[in-house]
């Protein structure tokens, strides 16, 4: 069992990857949970620089758009 506290809203973050398929945007995969937003943001920047469409998600399920052109 993980030692991280998933019950605290916003305490864990992960990178969510999107793939464009014709006129649709599909959630392709997600990264591992990370202990803070800044670390997840750094990874999102790294992947975005390499051409991936990404967003950040907190442990409460809220998505924060990171790449331009993603749906709200």
N, C-alpha and C. Protein backbone atom coordinates (compact mmCIF):
# COMPACT_ATOMS: atom_id res chain seq x y z
N UNK A 1 0.84 -1.18 0.00
CA UNK A 1 0.00 0.00 0.00
C UNK A 1 0.88 1.24 0.00
N UNK A 2 0.47 2.25 -0.70
CA UNK A 2 1.23 3.47 -0.84
C UNK A 2 1.19 4.29 0.45
N UNK A 3 2.27 5.01 0.71
CA UNK A 3 2.31 5.86 1.89
C UNK A 3 1.74 7.25 1.61
N UNK A 4 1.40 7.55 0.36
CA UNK A 4 0.84 8.85 0.02
C UNK A 4 -0.61 8.95 0.44
N UNK A 5 -1.04 10.15 0.79
CA UNK A 5 -2.41 10.40 1.22
C UNK A 5 -3.22 10.88 0.02
N UNK A 6 -4.03 10.00 -0.57
CA UNK A 6 -4.85 10.35 -1.71
C UNK A 6 -6.13 11.07 -1.30
N UNK A 7 -6.48 11.07 -0.03
CA UNK A 7 -7.72 11.67 0.42
C UNK A 7 -7.68 13.20 0.44
N UNK A 8 -6.51 13.78 0.47
CA UNK A 8 -6.38 15.22 0.53
C UNK A 8 -6.44 15.80 -0.88
N UNK A 9 -7.48 16.60 -1.16
CA UNK A 9 -7.69 17.15 -2.50
C UNK A 9 -6.51 18.00 -2.95
N UNK A 10 -6.01 17.71 -4.12
CA UNK A 10 -4.94 18.49 -4.69
C UNK A 10 -3.55 18.16 -4.19
N UNK A 11 -3.41 17.17 -3.33
CA UNK A 11 -2.10 16.88 -2.77
C UNK A 11 -1.22 16.07 -3.72
N UNK A 12 -1.81 15.38 -4.66
CA UNK A 12 -1.05 14.58 -5.62
C UNK A 12 -1.40 15.06 -7.03
N UNK A 13 -0.42 15.00 -7.93
CA UNK A 13 -0.60 15.47 -9.30
C UNK A 13 -0.02 14.46 -10.27
N UNK A 14 -0.57 14.44 -11.49
CA UNK A 14 0.00 13.61 -12.54
C UNK A 14 -0.20 14.27 -13.90
N UNK A 15 0.59 13.82 -14.85
CA UNK A 15 0.50 14.32 -16.22
C UNK A 15 -0.45 13.41 -16.99
N UNK A 16 -1.38 14.01 -17.72
CA UNK A 16 -2.32 13.27 -18.56
C UNK A 16 -1.97 13.58 -20.01
N UNK A 17 -1.87 12.53 -20.82
CA UNK A 17 -1.48 12.68 -22.22
C UNK A 17 -2.71 12.55 -23.11
N UNK A 18 -2.79 13.43 -24.12
CA UNK A 18 -3.89 13.43 -25.07
C UNK A 18 -3.38 13.09 -26.45
N UNK A 19 -4.24 12.47 -27.24
CA UNK A 19 -3.93 12.16 -28.63
C UNK A 19 -5.09 12.65 -29.48
N UNK A 20 -4.76 13.33 -30.56
CA UNK A 20 -5.81 13.79 -31.49
C UNK A 20 -6.10 12.69 -32.49
N UNK A 21 -7.39 12.38 -32.64
CA UNK A 21 -7.85 11.40 -33.62
C UNK A 21 -8.95 12.04 -34.44
N UNK A 22 -8.61 12.45 -35.64
CA UNK A 22 -9.55 13.16 -36.53
C UNK A 22 -10.05 14.41 -35.81
N UNK A 23 -11.35 14.51 -35.57
CA UNK A 23 -11.92 15.68 -34.89
C UNK A 23 -12.09 15.47 -33.40
N UNK A 24 -11.53 14.42 -32.85
CA UNK A 24 -11.71 14.10 -31.43
C UNK A 24 -10.38 14.15 -30.70
N UNK A 25 -10.45 14.43 -29.41
CA UNK A 25 -9.28 14.38 -28.54
C UNK A 25 -9.51 13.23 -27.58
N UNK A 26 -8.55 12.31 -27.51
CA UNK A 26 -8.67 11.10 -26.72
C UNK A 26 -7.61 11.10 -25.62
N UNK A 27 -8.02 10.76 -24.37
CA UNK A 27 -7.03 10.60 -23.30
C UNK A 27 -6.28 9.32 -23.59
N UNK A 28 -5.01 9.48 -23.90
CA UNK A 28 -4.20 8.35 -24.34
C UNK A 28 -3.65 7.55 -23.16
N UNK A 29 -3.13 8.25 -22.17
CA UNK A 29 -2.55 7.57 -21.00
C UNK A 29 -2.28 8.61 -19.91
N UNK A 30 -1.94 8.13 -18.74
CA UNK A 30 -1.61 9.03 -17.64
C UNK A 30 -0.28 8.61 -17.03
N UNK A 31 0.39 9.57 -16.44
CA UNK A 31 1.65 9.30 -15.76
C UNK A 31 1.39 8.90 -14.32
N UNK A 32 2.45 8.59 -13.60
CA UNK A 32 2.30 8.22 -12.18
C UNK A 32 1.95 9.44 -11.32
N UNK A 33 1.38 9.18 -10.16
CA UNK A 33 1.08 10.25 -9.22
C UNK A 33 2.38 10.80 -8.66
N UNK A 34 2.46 12.12 -8.57
CA UNK A 34 3.64 12.81 -8.06
C UNK A 34 3.26 13.61 -6.82
N UNK A 35 4.19 13.81 -5.88
CA UNK A 35 3.85 14.42 -4.60
C UNK A 35 3.54 15.91 -4.62
N UNK A 36 3.91 16.63 -5.68
CA UNK A 36 3.55 18.05 -5.72
C UNK A 36 3.34 18.55 -7.14
N UNK A 37 2.64 19.68 -7.23
CA UNK A 37 2.26 20.25 -8.53
C UNK A 37 3.47 20.67 -9.34
N UNK A 38 4.46 21.27 -8.71
CA UNK A 38 5.63 21.77 -9.43
C UNK A 38 6.38 20.64 -10.12
N UNK A 39 6.52 19.52 -9.48
CA UNK A 39 7.18 18.37 -10.09
C UNK A 39 6.40 17.87 -11.30
N UNK A 40 5.08 17.78 -11.16
CA UNK A 40 4.24 17.36 -12.29
C UNK A 40 4.31 18.39 -13.41
N UNK A 41 4.33 19.66 -13.07
CA UNK A 41 4.43 20.72 -14.07
C UNK A 41 5.75 20.63 -14.83
N UNK A 42 6.83 20.36 -14.13
CA UNK A 42 8.13 20.20 -14.79
C UNK A 42 8.10 19.06 -15.80
N UNK A 43 7.50 17.94 -15.42
CA UNK A 43 7.39 16.81 -16.35
C UNK A 43 6.50 17.17 -17.53
N UNK A 44 5.39 17.89 -17.27
CA UNK A 44 4.49 18.29 -18.35
C UNK A 44 5.23 19.18 -19.35
N UNK A 45 6.02 20.12 -18.85
CA UNK A 45 6.81 20.97 -19.74
C UNK A 45 7.78 20.15 -20.58
N UNK A 46 8.43 19.20 -19.95
CA UNK A 46 9.40 18.35 -20.65
C UNK A 46 8.72 17.58 -21.79
N UNK A 47 7.56 16.99 -21.51
CA UNK A 47 6.84 16.25 -22.54
C UNK A 47 6.27 17.19 -23.61
N UNK A 48 5.79 18.36 -23.20
CA UNK A 48 5.23 19.30 -24.16
C UNK A 48 6.32 19.78 -25.13
N UNK A 49 7.52 19.99 -24.66
CA UNK A 49 8.63 20.39 -25.53
C UNK A 49 8.95 19.33 -26.58
N UNK A 50 8.55 18.10 -26.31
CA UNK A 50 8.80 17.00 -27.23
C UNK A 50 7.58 16.68 -28.10
N UNK A 51 6.58 17.57 -28.08
CA UNK A 51 5.46 17.45 -28.99
C UNK A 51 4.22 16.75 -28.45
N UNK A 52 4.22 16.38 -27.18
CA UNK A 52 3.04 15.74 -26.60
C UNK A 52 2.02 16.79 -26.19
N UNK A 53 0.72 16.44 -26.26
CA UNK A 53 -0.36 17.27 -25.74
C UNK A 53 -0.65 16.77 -24.33
N UNK A 54 -0.51 17.66 -23.34
CA UNK A 54 -0.63 17.23 -21.95
C UNK A 54 -1.51 18.16 -21.14
N UNK A 55 -1.97 17.63 -20.01
CA UNK A 55 -2.70 18.40 -19.00
C UNK A 55 -2.22 17.89 -17.64
N UNK A 56 -2.50 18.66 -16.60
CA UNK A 56 -2.21 18.22 -15.24
C UNK A 56 -3.52 17.82 -14.58
N UNK A 57 -3.47 16.79 -13.75
CA UNK A 57 -4.65 16.33 -13.02
C UNK A 57 -4.28 16.21 -11.55
N UNK A 58 -5.15 16.75 -10.67
CA UNK A 58 -4.90 16.56 -9.24
C UNK A 58 -5.64 15.33 -8.74
N UNK A 59 -5.36 14.95 -7.51
CA UNK A 59 -5.93 13.71 -6.98
C UNK A 59 -7.44 13.79 -6.78
N UNK A 60 -8.01 15.00 -6.86
CA UNK A 60 -9.47 15.15 -6.79
C UNK A 60 -10.12 14.95 -8.16
N UNK A 61 -9.30 14.83 -9.21
CA UNK A 61 -9.81 14.59 -10.56
C UNK A 61 -9.90 15.84 -11.43
N UNK A 62 -9.56 17.00 -10.89
CA UNK A 62 -9.63 18.24 -11.65
C UNK A 62 -8.49 18.31 -12.67
N UNK A 63 -8.84 18.62 -13.92
CA UNK A 63 -7.85 18.74 -14.98
C UNK A 63 -7.49 20.20 -15.21
N UNK A 64 -6.21 20.45 -15.40
CA UNK A 64 -5.72 21.78 -15.73
C UNK A 64 -5.07 21.69 -17.11
N UNK A 65 -5.67 22.35 -18.09
CA UNK A 65 -5.13 22.31 -19.44
C UNK A 65 -3.73 22.88 -19.45
N UNK A 66 -2.86 22.23 -20.15
CA UNK A 66 -1.48 22.66 -20.23
C UNK A 66 -1.09 22.95 -21.67
N UNK A 67 -1.57 22.15 -22.59
CA UNK A 67 -1.29 22.34 -24.01
C UNK A 67 -2.40 23.16 -24.64
N UNK A 68 -2.03 24.07 -25.53
CA UNK A 68 -3.02 24.86 -26.26
C UNK A 68 -3.81 23.94 -27.17
N UNK A 69 -5.10 24.25 -27.33
CA UNK A 69 -5.94 23.49 -28.24
C UNK A 69 -6.69 22.33 -27.60
N UNK A 70 -6.49 22.09 -26.31
CA UNK A 70 -7.24 21.02 -25.65
C UNK A 70 -8.62 21.53 -25.25
N UNK A 71 -9.62 20.66 -25.28
CA UNK A 71 -10.96 21.10 -24.88
C UNK A 71 -11.02 21.46 -23.40
N UNK A 72 -11.93 22.34 -23.05
CA UNK A 72 -12.08 22.77 -21.65
C UNK A 72 -12.72 21.69 -20.81
